[in-house]
């Protein structure tokens, strides 16, 4: 009695683990195929790179002196705390 119960348990375990393994393998394969299809028919658009303004250009655009002094004071207060 004990041997057949253990055998049935092992058979059920192997069947279940095999089913999960097959399902996960098919899921990975399906995901890879879908990814390749999407990349083939809907490629990422090429974005033209815009040059970033340098610090000098940003300084030349002009910042309100009141805003600049407020930022400088806030930085000094922050650094004084640490």
Protein backbone atom coordinates (compact mmCIF):
# COMPACT_ATOMS: atom_id res chain seq x y z
CA UNK A 1 0.00 0.00 0.00
CA UNK A 2 2.75 2.43 0.95
CA UNK A 3 4.77 1.77 -2.19
CA UNK A 4 1.88 2.46 -4.55
CA UNK A 5 0.98 5.67 -2.71
CA UNK A 6 4.58 6.92 -2.94
CA UNK A 7 4.72 5.90 -6.59
CA UNK A 8 1.51 7.77 -7.35
CA UNK A 9 2.84 10.85 -5.54
CA UNK A 10 6.08 10.76 -7.53
CA UNK A 11 4.19 10.29 -10.80
CA UNK A 12 1.93 13.23 -10.00
CA UNK A 13 4.91 15.39 -9.05
CA UNK A 14 6.81 14.57 -12.24
CA UNK A 15 3.70 15.15 -14.36
CA UNK A 16 3.05 18.52 -12.70
CA UNK A 17 6.64 19.71 -12.92
CA UNK A 18 6.84 18.61 -16.55
CA UNK A 19 3.65 20.50 -17.37
CA UNK A 20 4.99 23.68 -15.75
CA UNK A 21 8.34 23.32 -17.53
CA UNK A 22 6.65 22.91 -20.93
CA UNK A 23 4.31 25.85 -20.29
CA UNK A 24 7.13 28.19 -19.22
CA UNK A 25 9.27 27.14 -22.19
CA UNK A 26 6.41 27.88 -24.58
CA UNK A 27 5.80 31.21 -22.84
CA UNK A 28 9.43 32.26 -23.29
CA UNK A 29 9.41 31.22 -26.95
CA UNK A 30 6.14 33.08 -27.61
CA UNK A 31 7.49 36.20 -25.90
CA UNK A 32 10.66 36.14 -27.99
CA UNK A 33 8.69 35.71 -31.21
CA UNK A 34 6.31 38.55 -30.34
CA UNK A 35 9.23 40.80 -29.44
CA UNK A 36 10.94 40.14 -32.78
CA UNK A 37 7.70 40.74 -34.68
CA UNK A 38 7.06 44.04 -32.92
CA UNK A 39 10.63 45.23 -33.50
CA UNK A 40 10.39 44.25 -37.17
CA UNK A 41 7.08 45.94 -37.96
CA UNK A 42 7.25 48.81 -35.44
CA UNK A 43 10.91 49.84 -35.06
CA UNK A 44 11.91 52.59 -32.66
CA UNK A 45 11.81 56.00 -34.35
CA UNK A 46 15.14 57.69 -34.88
CA UNK A 47 15.25 60.83 -32.79
CA UNK A 48 17.45 63.62 -34.02
CA UNK A 49 19.80 64.69 -31.28
CA UNK A 50 19.48 68.36 -30.41
CA UNK A 51 22.56 70.08 -29.07
CA UNK A 52 22.35 71.03 -25.41
CA UNK A 53 23.11 74.61 -24.50
CA UNK A 54 26.36 75.11 -22.70
CA UNK A 55 26.64 76.91 -19.37
CA UNK A 56 27.94 79.97 -21.11
CA UNK A 57 24.91 80.14 -23.39
CA UNK A 58 22.61 79.70 -20.39
CA UNK A 59 24.39 82.52 -18.57
CA UNK A 60 24.08 84.79 -21.56
CA UNK A 61 20.33 84.30 -21.73
CA UNK A 62 20.06 86.18 -18.48
CA UNK A 63 18.64 85.19 -15.17
CA UNK A 64 16.80 87.64 -12.99
CA UNK A 65 19.31 88.91 -10.39
CA UNK A 66 16.78 88.45 -7.59
CA UNK A 67 16.27 84.81 -8.52
CA UNK A 68 20.01 84.28 -8.81
CA UNK A 69 20.69 85.76 -5.36
CA UNK A 70 17.86 83.68 -3.84
CA UNK A 71 19.37 80.52 -5.33
CA UNK A 72 22.83 81.43 -4.06
CA UNK A 73 21.49 82.08 -0.54
CA UNK A 74 19.62 78.79 -0.55
CA UNK A 75 22.76 76.92 -1.57
CA UNK A 76 24.80 78.63 1.17
CA UNK A 77 22.18 77.76 3.79
CA UNK A 78 22.05 74.17 2.61
CA UNK A 79 25.83 73.78 2.72
CA UNK A 80 26.00 75.41 6.17
CA UNK A 81 23.68 72.74 7.59
CA UNK A 82 25.88 69.85 6.47
